Amino acid sequence: MPMDFPGPRWKKGKESKDFASLAAANPMSTIVSELKASFISSKPVAILSGPDGSSILGVEPEQAMIINRAAFGHAIENTEAQKSWFQLSPEEVFYLYHSLNCIRVESQDKMQMSEVELWDHFRSGSESFPEMYKAYSHLRSKNWVVRSGLQYGADFVAYRHHPALVHSEFTVVVLPEGAEFGSRCGRLQVWSDLLCALRASGSVAKTLLVLTISSSSSCELSSPECLEQLLVHERTITRWIPQQCREQRCEPSRDEANRKVLISKKDEASMEELISKKGSVVFNHWAVILGFTVLSSLVAYKLKFRQ
């Protein structure tokens, strides 16, 4: 059964500024292309900063504006006017390095890292990095802004545009499937886990999006080359509410709504007449039964009296 999703919830700007029109005039795909064009010549350096895989990216002030518009990382306040710094997650670092090919990455001892070395570093910090990155890059390639969903009990949250303009629409849970993922394949297999995820998503006006990561053939997750063999299956899960599906399954268009109003006004009198006729028919039916019962009682009493 097709279900209706709540759709984007645009934030309210000052003086009733229309954020939906602003986002339509500046699509995220164009912004990311501008970021790639700005970064590809200078290739700013991201420095690995901790065992969790997070990195610090230093950019020029004019580049800071574009990376902020593209919604990568979180700006770090600093007093240095010549450079701006952003903290990036492992998925963001590898996406800028691998997919966009517009940054360089150095280790803490200032050694430049290759793609394989960076992949091994992120896998050593988190065993689930391959499937998490595949899910992240899948959504990013479709121009969704992807952020951590930890505060909602999910892996990610997905925004239609910049988080300053719109609320996130989806909480994203990543489910790996296949022997190569080992014991990480047991998520949401119990109904209670699924219901908890649905409740958590519904309570914050978001739709639960489950991304199942599987492989077309046996692949080795030890190399980033496995990304080409990983497949992503999208499933949205919503609660079935009988009242809503029976009476409010979909929002009617304006013409349909006006037509329904005209029909309801025209048929209101006839419906009341039909209800009154039905009531009179029921009343007459019970009157006949009552009369027949009384007549039968009188006949029986008369026969008994004669005997």
C-alpha atoms as a PDB file:
ATOM      1  CA  MET A   1       0.000   0.000   0.000  1.00  0.00           C
ATOM      2  CA  PRO A   2       1.501   3.391  -0.940  1.00  0.00           C
ATOM      3  CA  MET A   3       2.120   5.581   2.068  1.00  0.00           C
ATOM      4  CA  ASP A   4       2.367   9.363   2.262  1.00  0.00           C
ATOM      5  CA  PHE A   5       5.548  10.842   3.700  1.00  0.00           C
ATOM      6  CA  PRO A   6       5.496  14.117   5.620  1.00  0.00           C
ATOM      7  CA  GLY A   7       7.792  15.867   3.102  1.00  0.00           C
ATOM      8  CA  PRO A   8      10.321  18.632   3.787  1.00  0.00           C
ATOM      9  CA  ARG A   9       9.779  20.910   6.787  1.00  0.00           C
ATOM     10  CA  TRP A  10      11.448  24.178   5.864  1.00  0.00           C
ATOM     11  CA  LYS A  11      12.647  26.377   8.668  1.00  0.00           C
ATOM     12  CA  LYS A  12      11.337  29.900   9.107  1.00  0.00           C
ATOM     13  CA  GLY A  13      13.684  32.711   8.168  1.00  0.00           C
ATOM     14  CA  LYS A  14      13.710  36.293   9.309  1.00  0.00           C
ATOM     15  CA  GLU A  15      10.967  38.417   7.791  1.00  0.00           C
ATOM     16  CA  SER A  16       9.256  35.241   6.534  1.00  0.00           C
ATOM     17  CA  LYS A  17      12.074  34.446   4.111  1.00  0.00           C
ATOM     18  CA  ASP A  18      11.187  31.619   1.754  1.00  0.00           C
ATOM     19  CA  PHE A  19      13.869  28.978   2.338  1.00  0.00           C
ATOM     20  CA  ALA A  20      12.259  26.557  -0.127  1.00  0.00           C
ATOM     21  CA  SER A  21      12.734  29.003  -2.991  1.00  0.00           C
ATOM     22  CA  LEU A  22      16.262  29.764  -1.814  1.00  0.00           C
ATOM     23  CA  ALA A  23      17.151  26.061  -1.892  1.00  0.00           C
ATOM     24  CA  ALA A  24      15.555  25.618  -5.321  1.00  0.00           C
ATOM     25  CA  ALA A  25      17.632  28.503  -6.682  1.00  0.00           C
ATOM     26  CA  ASN A  26      20.831  26.987  -5.241  1.00  0.00           C
ATOM     27  CA  PRO A  27      20.680  23.201  -5.698  1.00  0.00           C
ATOM     28  CA  MET A  28      23.099  21.140  -3.648  1.00  0.00           C
ATOM     29  CA  SER A  29      24.532  19.494  -6.765  1.00  0.00           C
ATOM     30  CA  THR A  30      25.679  22.914  -8.032  1.00  0.00           C
ATOM     31  CA  ILE A  31      27.187  23.827  -4.671  1.00  0.00           C
ATOM     32  CA  VAL A  32      29.175  20.567  -4.483  1.00  0.00           C
ATOM     33  CA  SER A  33      30.439  21.124  -8.040  1.00  0.00           C
ATOM     34  CA  GLU A  34      31.616  24.598  -7.029  1.00  0.00           C
ATOM     35  CA  LEU A  35      33.386  23.116  -4.003  1.00  0.00           C
ATOM     36  CA  LYS A  36      35.171  20.547  -6.155  1.00  0.00           C
ATOM     37  CA  ALA A  37      36.261  23.218  -8.647  1.00  0.00           C
ATOM     38  CA  SER A  38      37.530  25.425  -5.814  1.00  0.00           C
ATOM     39  CA  PHE A  39      39.425  22.651  -4.015  1.00  0.00           C
ATOM     40  CA  ILE A  40      40.846  20.671  -6.903  1.00  0.00           C
ATOM     41  CA  SER A  41      43.541  23.208  -7.783  1.00  0.00           C
ATOM     42  CA  SER A  42      44.900  23.789  -4.273  1.00  0.00           C
ATOM     43  CA  LYS A  43      43.911  20.415  -2.709  1.00  0.00           C
ATOM     44  CA  PRO A  44      43.712  21.496   0.946  1.00  0.00           C
ATOM     45  CA  VAL A  45      45.080  19.073   3.528  1.00  0.00           C
ATOM     46  CA  ALA A  46      43.033  17.180   6.105  1.00  0.00           C
ATOM     47  CA  ILE A  47      45.031  15.983   9.119  1.00  0.00           C
ATOM     48  CA  LEU A  48      43.935  12.884  11.025  1.00  0.00           C
ATOM     49  CA  SER A  49      43.313  13.990  14.577  1.00  0.00           C
ATOM     50  CA  GLY A  50      42.236  10.985  16.614  1.00  0.00           C
ATOM     51  CA  PRO A  51      41.647   7.237  16.830  1.00  0.00           C
ATOM     52  CA  ASP A  52      37.961   7.695  15.950  1.00  0.00           C
ATOM     53  CA  GLY A  53      38.944   8.744  12.425  1.00  0.00           C
ATOM     54  CA  SER A  54      37.936  12.377  12.653  1.00  0.00           C
ATOM     55  CA  SER A  55      40.098  14.883  10.795  1.00  0.00           C
ATOM     56  CA  ILE A  56      40.801  18.593  10.756  1.00  0.00           C
ATOM     57  CA  LEU A  57      40.681  20.345   7.385  1.00  0.00           C
ATOM     58  CA  GLY A  58      42.300  23.749   6.926  1.00  0.00           C
ATOM     59  CA  VAL A  59      41.009  25.952   4.083  1.00  0.00           C
ATOM     60  CA  GLU A  60      41.261  29.529   2.894  1.00  0.00           C
ATOM     61  CA  PRO A  61      38.552  31.973   4.061  1.00  0.00           C
ATOM     62  CA  GLU A  62      36.853  32.027   0.634  1.00  0.00           C
ATOM     63  CA  GLN A  63      36.893  28.224   0.552  1.00  0.00           C
ATOM     64  CA  ALA A  64      35.359  28.115   4.022  1.00  0.00           C
ATOM     65  CA  MET A  65      32.204  29.722   2.660  1.00  0.00           C
ATOM     66  CA  ILE A  66      31.740  27.093  -0.027  1.00  0.00           C
ATOM     67  CA  ILE A  67      32.429  24.097   2.240  1.00  0.00           C
ATOM     68  CA  ASN A  68      29.949  25.493   4.733  1.00  0.00           C
ATOM     69  CA  ARG A  69      27.327  25.898   1.998  1.00  0.00           C
ATOM     70  CA  ALA A  70      27.989  22.315   0.890  1.00  0.00           C
ATOM     71  CA  ALA A  71      27.398  21.170   4.503  1.00  0.00           C
ATOM     72  CA  PHE A  72      30.604  19.218   5.004  1.00  0.00           C
ATOM     73  CA  GLY A  73      31.934  19.043   8.567  1.00  0.00           C
ATOM     74  CA  HIS A  74      31.578  21.512  11.407  1.00  0.00           C
ATOM     75  CA  ALA A  75      33.443  24.796  11.625  1.00  0.00           C
ATOM     76  CA  ILE A  76      35.949  25.179  14.478  1.00  0.00           C
ATOM     77  CA  GLU A  77      36.258  28.601  16.023  1.00  0.00           C
ATOM     78  CA  ASN A  78      39.772  30.045  15.890  1.00  0.00           C
ATOM     79  CA  THR A  79      41.442  33.437  16.017  1.00  0.00           C
ATOM     80  CA  GLU A  80      43.603  32.827  12.971  1.00  0.00           C
ATOM     81  CA  ALA A  81      42.359  35.034  10.139  1.00  0.00           C
ATOM     82  CA  GLN A  82      44.411  33.393   7.404  1.00  0.00           C
ATOM     83  CA  LYS A  83      42.847  29.926   7.700  1.00  0.00           C
ATOM     84  CA  SER A  84      39.517  28.357   8.643  1.00  0.00           C
ATOM     85  CA  TRP A  85      39.292  24.903  10.180  1.00  0.00           C
ATOM     86  CA  PHE A  86      36.610  22.240   9.870  1.00  0.00           C
ATOM     87  CA  GLN A  87      36.209  18.954  11.716  1.00  0.00           C
ATOM     88  CA  LEU A  88      35.217  16.134   9.360  1.00  0.00           C
ATOM     89  CA  SER A  89      33.888  12.656  10.034  1.00  0.00           C
ATOM     90  CA  PRO A  90      35.632   9.606   8.486  1.00  0.00           C
ATOM     91  CA  GLU A  91      32.881   9.295   5.860  1.00  0.00           C
ATOM     92  CA  GLU A  92      33.214  12.965   4.894  1.00  0.00           C
ATOM     93  CA  VAL A  93      37.008  12.745   4.630  1.00  0.00           C
ATOM     94  CA  PHE A  94      36.935   9.672   2.443  1.00  0.00           C
ATOM     95  CA  TYR A  95      34.156  11.111   0.251  1.00  0.00           C
ATOM     96  CA  LEU A  96      36.144  14.288  -0.419  1.00  0.00           C
ATOM     97  CA  TYR A  97      39.292  12.220  -0.995  1.00  0.00           C
ATOM     98  CA  HIS A  98      37.906   9.238  -2.919  1.00  0.00           C
ATOM     99  CA  SER A  99      34.736  10.412  -4.681  1.00  0.00           C
ATOM    100  CA  LEU A 100      35.468  14.106  -5.302  1.00  0.00           C
ATOM    101  CA  ASN A 101      39.274  13.768  -5.341  1.00  0.00           C
ATOM    102  CA  CYS A 102      39.678  17.330  -4.106  1.00  0.00           C
ATOM    103  CA  ILE A 103      41.673  17.053  -0.840  1.00  0.00           C
ATOM    104  CA  ARG A 104      44.827  15.437   0.505  1.00  0.00           C
ATOM    105  CA  VAL A 105      45.073  13.586   3.801  1.00  0.00           C
ATOM    106  CA  GLU A 106      48.055  13.469   6.140  1.00  0.00           C
ATOM    107  CA  SER A 107      48.672  11.439   9.253  1.00  0.00           C
ATOM    108  CA  GLN A 108      49.495  13.019  12.595  1.00  0.00           C
ATOM    109  CA  ASP A 109      53.211  12.788  11.798  1.00  0.00           C
ATOM    110  CA  LYS A 110      52.678  14.787   8.548  1.00  0.00           C
ATOM    111  CA  MET A 111      52.992  11.777   6.241  1.00  0.00           C
ATOM    112  CA  GLN A 112      50.752  11.894   3.187  1.00  0.00           C
ATOM    113  CA  MET A 113      48.404   8.904   3.068  1.00  0.00           C
ATOM    114  CA  SER A 114      47.371   6.880   0.055  1.00  0.00           C
ATOM    115  CA  GLU A 115      43.834   5.715  -0.576  1.00  0.00           C
ATOM    116  CA  VAL A 116      44.527   2.184   0.686  1.00  0.00           C
ATOM    117  CA  GLU A 117      46.307   3.477   3.809  1.00  0.00           C
ATOM    118  CA  LEU A 118      43.420   5.809   4.567  1.00  0.00           C
ATOM    119  CA  TRP A 119      40.924   2.970   4.084  1.00  0.00           C
ATOM    120  CA  ASP A 120      42.886   0.724   6.453  1.00  0.00           C
ATOM    121  CA  HIS A 121      43.102   3.527   9.012  1.00  0.00           C
ATOM    122  CA  PHE A 122      39.331   4.067   9.044  1.00  0.00           C
ATOM    123  CA  ARG A 123      38.631   0.316   9.140  1.00  0.00           C
ATOM    124  CA  SER A 124      40.966  -0.105  12.114  1.00  0.00           C
ATOM    125  CA  GLY A 125      39.014   2.584  13.961  1.00  0.00           C
ATOM    126  CA  SER A 126      35.584   1.168  13.055  1.00  0.00           C
ATOM    127  CA  GLU A 127      34.940  -2.301  11.658  1.00  0.00           C
ATOM    128  CA  SER A 128      31.663  -1.109  10.122  1.00  0.00           C
ATOM    129  CA  PHE A 129      33.292   1.678   8.092  1.00  0.00           C
ATOM    130  CA  PRO A 130      32.859  -0.045   4.661  1.00  0.00           C
ATOM    131  CA  GLU A 131      29.063  -0.309   4.884  1.00  0.00           C
ATOM    132  CA  MET A 132      28.728   3.064   6.590  1.00  0.00           C
ATOM    133  CA  TYR A 133      30.732   4.803   3.915  1.00  0.00           C
ATOM    134  CA  LYS A 134      28.814   3.030   1.136  1.00  0.00           C
ATOM    135  CA  ALA A 135      25.525   4.263   2.639  1.00  0.00           C
ATOM    136  CA  TYR A 136      26.926   7.776   3.107  1.00  0.00           C
ATOM    137  CA  SER A 137      28.268   8.047  -0.452  1.00  0.00           C
ATOM    138  CA  HIS A 138      25.030   6.587  -1.847  1.00  0.00           C
ATOM    139  CA  LEU A 139      22.952   9.366  -0.282  1.00  0.00           C
ATOM    140  CA  ARG A 140      25.506  12.098  -0.978  1.00  0.00           C
ATOM    141  CA  SER A 141      25.642  11.141  -4.651  1.00  0.00           C
ATOM    142  CA  LYS A 142      21.883  11.737  -4.736  1.00  0.00           C
ATOM    143  CA  ASN A 143      22.475  15.256  -3.336  1.00  0.00           C
ATOM    144  CA  TRP A 144      21.199  14.559   0.168  1.00  0.00           C
ATOM    145  CA  VAL A 145      23.067  16.222   3.011  1.00  0.00           C
ATOM    146  CA  VAL A 146      24.090  13.460   5.428  1.00  0.00           C
ATOM    147  CA  ARG A 147      24.917  14.017   9.083  1.00  0.00           C
ATOM    148  CA  SER A 148      25.373  11.804  12.125  1.00  0.00           C
ATOM    149  CA  GLY A 149      22.117  10.370  13.471  1.00  0.00           C
ATOM    150  CA  LEU A 150      23.461   9.420  16.883  1.00  0.00           C
ATOM    151  CA  GLN A 151      21.101  11.754  18.753  1.00  0.00           C
ATOM    152  CA  TYR A 152      18.118  10.019  17.094  1.00  0.00           C
ATOM    153  CA  GLY A 153      19.336   6.468  17.679  1.00  0.00           C
ATOM    154  CA  ALA A 154      20.259   6.030  14.005  1.00  0.00           C
ATOM    155  CA  ASP A 155      23.409   5.915  11.910  1.00  0.00           C
ATOM    156  CA  PHE A 156      22.674   9.044   9.858  1.00  0.00           C
ATOM    157  CA  VAL A 157      20.035  11.667   9.203  1.00  0.00           C
ATOM    158  CA  ALA A 158      19.344  12.948   5.693  1.00  0.00           C
ATOM    159  CA  TYR A 159      18.500  16.557   4.809  1.00  0.00           C
ATOM    160  CA  ARG A 160      17.010  17.770   1.530  1.00  0.00           C
ATOM    161  CA  HIS A 161      19.333  20.789   1.628  1.00  0.00           C
ATOM    162  CA  HIS A 162      21.517  22.632   4.134  1.00  0.00           C
ATOM    163  CA  PRO A 163      20.494  21.973   7.769  1.00  0.00           C
ATOM    164  CA  ALA A 164      20.174  25.733   8.311  1.00  0.00           C
ATOM    165  CA  LEU A 165      17.300  25.799   5.807  1.00  0.00           C
ATOM    166  CA  VAL A 166      15.366  22.602   6.402  1.00  0.00           C
ATOM    167  CA  HIS A 167      14.832  19.922   9.039  1.00  0.00           C
ATOM    168  CA  SER A 168      16.049  16.418   8.293  1.00  0.00           C
ATOM    169  CA  GLU A 169      13.479  14.119   6.671  1.00  0.00           C
ATOM    170  CA  PHE A 170      14.930  10.658   7.268  1.00  0.00           C
ATOM    171  CA  THR A 171      16.642   8.775  10.027  1.00  0.00           C
ATOM    172  CA  VAL A 172      18.919   6.250   8.340  1.00  0.00           C
ATOM    173  CA  VAL A 173      19.784   2.793   9.645  1.00  0.00           C
ATOM    174  CA  VAL A 174      22.412   0.766   7.762  1.00  0.00           C
ATOM    175  CA  LEU A 175      21.940  -3.007   7.588  1.00  0.00           C
ATOM    176  CA  PRO A 176      24.779  -5.118   6.129  1.00  0.00           C
ATOM    177  CA  GLU A 177      23.895  -8.481   4.606  1.00  0.00           C
ATOM    178  CA  GLY A 178      26.402 -11.156   3.670  1.00  0.00           C
ATOM    179  CA  ALA A 179      29.057 -13.410   5.129  1.00  0.00           C
ATOM    180  CA  GLU A 180      31.783 -10.811   4.577  1.00  0.00           C
ATOM    181  CA  PHE A 181      30.151  -8.534   7.197  1.00  0.00           C
ATOM    182  CA  GLY A 182      30.323 -11.172   9.912  1.00  0.00           C
ATOM    183  CA  SER A 183      28.367 -10.584  13.109  1.00  0.00           C
ATOM    184  CA  ARG A 184      27.267  -7.087  12.028  1.00  0.00           C
ATOM    185  CA  CYS A 185      24.269  -8.543  10.167  1.00  0.00           C
ATOM    186  CA  GLY A 186      21.938  -8.921  13.143  1.00  0.00           C
ATOM    187  CA  ARG A 187      20.385  -5.455  13.335  1.00  0.00           C
ATOM    188  CA  LEU A 188      16.588  -4.957  13.349  1.00  0.00           C
ATOM    189  CA  GLN A 189      15.925  -8.699  13.249  1.00  0.00           C
ATOM    190  CA  VAL A 190      13.813  -8.495  16.406  1.00  0.00           C
ATOM    191  CA  TRP A 191      10.402  -6.810  16.234  1.00  0.00           C
ATOM    192  CA  SER A 192      11.078  -4.824  19.381  1.00  0.00           C
ATOM    193  CA  ASP A 193      14.178  -3.262  17.793  1.00  0.00           C
ATOM    194  CA  LEU A 194      12.230  -2.282  14.685  1.00  0.00           C
ATOM    195  CA  LEU A 195       9.384  -0.811  16.734  1.00  0.00           C
ATOM    196  CA  CYS A 196      11.832   1.196  18.840  1.00  0.00           C
ATOM    197  CA  ALA A 197      13.430   2.617  15.693  1.00  0.00           C
ATOM    198  CA  LEU A 198       9.998   3.473  14.259  1.00  0.00           C
ATOM    199  CA  ARG A 199       8.874   5.142  17.479  1.00  0.00           C
ATOM    200  CA  ALA A 200      12.075   7.157  17.733  1.00  0.00           C
ATOM    201  CA  SER A 201      11.740   8.345  14.120  1.00  0.00           C
ATOM    202  CA  GLY A 202       8.048   9.149  14.406  1.00  0.00           C
ATOM    203  CA  SER A 203       8.473  11.109  17.623  1.00  0.00           C
ATOM    204  CA  VAL A 204      10.766  13.597  15.828  1.00  0.00           C
ATOM    205  CA  ALA A 205       8.663  13.784  12.631  1.00  0.00           C
ATOM    206  CA  LYS A 206      11.053  11.738  10.491  1.00  0.00           C
ATOM    207  CA  THR A 207      10.693   8.671   8.282  1.00  0.00           C
ATOM    208  CA  LEU A 208      12.808   5.593   8.952  1.00  0.00           C
ATOM    209  CA  LEU A 209      15.015   4.785   5.951  1.00  0.00           C
ATOM    210  CA  VAL A 210      16.734   1.392   6.024  1.00  0.00           C
ATOM    211  CA  LEU A 211      19.696   0.971   3.672  1.00  0.00           C
ATOM    212  CA  THR A 212      20.625  -2.671   3.160  1.00  0.00           C
ATOM    213  CA  ILE A 213      24.220  -3.147   2.001  1.00  0.00           C
ATOM    214  CA  SER A 214      24.985  -6.380   0.177  1.00  0.00           C
ATOM    215  CA  SER A 215      27.509  -7.544  -2.398  1.00  0.00           C
ATOM    216  CA  SER A 216      26.899  -8.793  -5.920  1.00  0.00           C
ATOM    217  CA  SER A 217      29.684 -11.340  -5.392  1.00  0.00           C
ATOM    218  CA  SER A 218      32.139 -12.254  -2.681  1.00  0.00           C
ATOM    219  CA  CYS A 219      34.406  -9.300  -2.069  1.00  0.00           C
ATOM    220  CA  GLU A 220      37.210  -8.380   0.288  1.00  0.00           C
ATOM    221  CA  LEU A 221      36.398  -5.426   2.513  1.00  0.00           C
ATOM    222  CA  SER A 222      40.099  -4.870   3.100  1.00  0.00           C
ATOM    223  CA  SER A 223      40.334  -2.801  -0.085  1.00  0.00           C
ATOM    224  CA  PRO A 224      38.334   0.244  -1.259  1.00  0.00           C
ATOM    225  CA  GLU A 225      37.853  -1.575  -4.558  1.00  0.00           C
ATOM    226  CA  CYS A 226      35.039  -3.508  -2.854  1.00  0.00           C
ATOM    227  CA  LEU A 227      32.863  -0.383  -3.035  1.00  0.00           C
ATOM    228  CA  GLU A 228      32.080  -1.091  -6.686  1.00  0.00           C
ATOM    229  CA  GLN A 229      30.694  -4.521  -5.754  1.00  0.00           C
ATOM    230  CA  LEU A 230      28.527  -3.341  -2.858  1.00  0.00           C
ATOM    231  CA  LEU A 231      24.849  -2.787  -3.597  1.00  0.00           C
ATOM    232  CA  VAL A 232      22.446  -0.509  -1.737  1.00  0.00           C
ATOM    233  CA  HIS A 233      18.756  -1.331  -1.324  1.00  0.00           C
ATOM    234  CA  GLU A 234      16.489   1.428   0.002  1.00  0.00           C
ATOM    235  CA  ARG A 235      13.456   0.705   2.165  1.00  0.00           C
ATOM    236  CA  THR A 236      11.296   3.248   3.963  1.00  0.00           C
ATOM    237  CA  ILE A 237       9.331   1.907   6.926  1.00  0.00           C
ATOM    238  CA  THR A 238       6.335   3.677   8.417  1.00  0.00           C
ATOM    239  CA  ARG A 239       3.763   2.753  11.041  1.00  0.00           C
ATOM    240  CA  TRP A 240       0.387   1.645   9.707  1.00  0.00           C
ATOM    241  CA  ILE A 241      -2.322   3.690  11.415  1.00  0.00           C
ATOM    242  CA  PRO A 242      -5.779   2.246  10.534  1.00  0.00           C
ATOM    243  CA  GLN A 243      -7.685   5.509  11.023  1.00  0.00           C
ATOM    244  CA  GLN A 244      -5.264   7.453   8.846  1.00  0.00           C
ATOM    245  CA  CYS A 245      -5.225   4.838   6.081  1.00  0.00           C
ATOM    246  CA  ARG A 246      -9.009   4.522   6.089  1.00  0.00           C
ATOM    247  CA  GLU A 247      -9.998   8.179   6.160  1.00  0.00           C
ATOM    248  CA  GLN A 248      -6.851  10.244   5.561  1.00  0.00           C
ATOM    249  CA  ARG A 249      -4.786   8.091   3.249  1.00  0.00           C
ATOM    250  CA  CYS A 250      -3.773  10.987   1.026  1.00  0.00           C
ATOM    251  CA  GLU A 251      -4.121  14.725   0.908  1.00  0.00           C
ATOM    252  CA  PRO A 252      -6.612  15.696  -1.840  1.00  0.00           C
ATOM    253  CA  SER A 253      -5.673  18.325  -4.373  1.00  0.00           C
ATOM    254  CA  ARG A 254      -7.368  21.723  -4.272  1.00  0.00           C
ATOM    255  CA  ASP A 255      -9.740  20.824  -7.116  1.00  0.00           C
ATOM    256  CA  GLU A 256     -10.637  17.535  -5.488  1.00  0.00           C
ATOM    257  CA  ALA A 257     -11.210  19.257  -2.169  1.00  0.00           C
ATOM    258  CA  ASN A 258     -13.514  21.871  -3.754  1.00  0.00           C
ATOM    259  CA  ARG A 259     -15.381  19.170  -5.648  1.00  0.00           C
ATOM    260  CA  LYS A 260     -15.827  17.170  -2.447  1.00  0.00           C
ATOM    261  CA  VAL A 261     -17.181  20.260  -0.673  1.00  0.00           C
ATOM    262  CA  LEU A 262     -19.732  20.861  -3.457  1.00  0.00           C
ATOM    263  CA  ILE A 263     -20.737  17.218  -3.470  1.00  0.00           C
ATOM    264  CA  SER A 264     -21.048  17.112   0.305  1.00  0.00           C
ATOM    265  CA  LYS A 265     -23.226  20.256   0.363  1.00  0.00           C
ATOM    266  CA  LYS A 266     -25.418  18.982  -2.465  1.00  0.00           C
ATOM    267  CA  ASP A 267     -25.817  15.543  -0.959  1.00  0.00           C
ATOM    268  CA  GLU A 268     -26.164  16.595   2.670  1.00  0.00           C
ATOM    269  CA  ALA A 269     -29.921  17.058   2.434  1.00  0.00           C
ATOM    270  CA  SER A 270     -30.401  13.858   0.456  1.00  0.00           C
ATOM    271  CA  MET A 271     -28.246  11.945   2.946  1.00  0.00           C
ATOM    272  CA  GLU A 272     -30.321  13.239   5.860  1.00  0.00           C
ATOM    273  CA  GLU A 273     -33.462  12.292   3.964  1.00  0.00           C
ATOM    274  CA  LEU A 274     -32.048   8.828   3.330  1.00  0.00           C
ATOM    275  CA  ILE A 275     -31.182   8.431   7.013  1.00  0.00           C
ATOM    276  CA  SER A 276     -34.674   9.570   8.059  1.00  0.00           C
ATOM    277  CA  LYS A 277     -36.288   7.187   5.552  1.00  0.00           C
ATOM    278  CA  LYS A 278     -34.159   4.367   6.830  1.00  0.00           C
ATOM    279  CA  GLY A 279     -35.178   5.236  10.367  1.00  0.00           C
ATOM    280  CA  SER A 280     -38.858   5.268   9.422  1.00  0.00           C
ATOM    281  CA  VAL A 281     -38.515   1.929   7.658  1.00  0.00           C
ATOM    282  CA  VAL A 282     -36.908   0.431  10.759  1.00  0.00           C
ATOM    283  CA  PHE A 283     -39.621   1.928  12.932  1.00  0.00           C
ATOM    284  CA  ASN A 284     -42.411   0.532  10.701  1.00  0.00           C
ATOM    285  CA  HIS A 285     -40.741  -2.857  10.707  1.00  0.00           C
ATOM    286  CA  TRP A 286     -40.693  -3.044  14.502  1.00  0.00           C
ATOM    287  CA  ALA A 287     -44.300  -1.735  14.663  1.00  0.00           C
ATOM    288  CA  VAL A 288     -45.490  -4.649  12.485  1.00  0.00           C
ATOM    289  CA  ILE A 289     -43.650  -7.150  14.661  1.00  0.00           C
ATOM    290  CA  LEU A 290     -45.090  -5.644  17.850  1.00  0.00           C
ATOM    291  CA  GLY A 291     -48.626  -5.642  16.412  1.00  0.00           C
ATOM    292  CA  PHE A 292     -48.345  -9.255  15.309  1.00  0.00           C
ATOM    293  CA  THR A 293     -47.082 -10.237  18.792  1.00  0.00           C
ATOM    294  CA  VAL A 294     -50.001  -8.512  20.549  1.00  0.00           C
ATOM    295  CA  LEU A 295     -52.553 -10.035  18.158  1.00  0.00           C
ATOM    296  CA  SER A 296     -51.129 -13.517  18.681  1.00  0.00           C
ATOM    297  CA  SER A 297     -51.322 -13.067  22.456  1.00  0.00           C
ATOM    298  CA  LEU A 298     -54.971 -12.008  22.261  1.00  0.00           C
ATOM    299  CA  VAL A 299     -55.896 -14.973  20.054  1.00  0.00           C
ATOM    300  CA  ALA A 300     -54.167 -17.402  22.407  1.00  0.00           C
ATOM    301  CA  TYR A 301     -55.876 -15.860  25.433  1.00  0.00           C
ATOM    302  CA  LYS A 302     -59.279 -16.062  23.736  1.00  0.00           C
ATOM    303  CA  LEU A 303     -58.882 -19.731  22.876  1.00  0.00           C
ATOM    304  CA  LYS A 304     -57.822 -20.544  26.417  1.00  0.00           C
ATOM    305  CA  PHE A 305     -60.832 -18.678  27.827  1.00  0.00           C
ATOM    306  CA  ARG A 306     -63.245 -20.686  25.638  1.00  0.00           C
ATOM    307  CA  GLN A 307     -61.788 -23.957  26.867  1.00  0.00           C
END
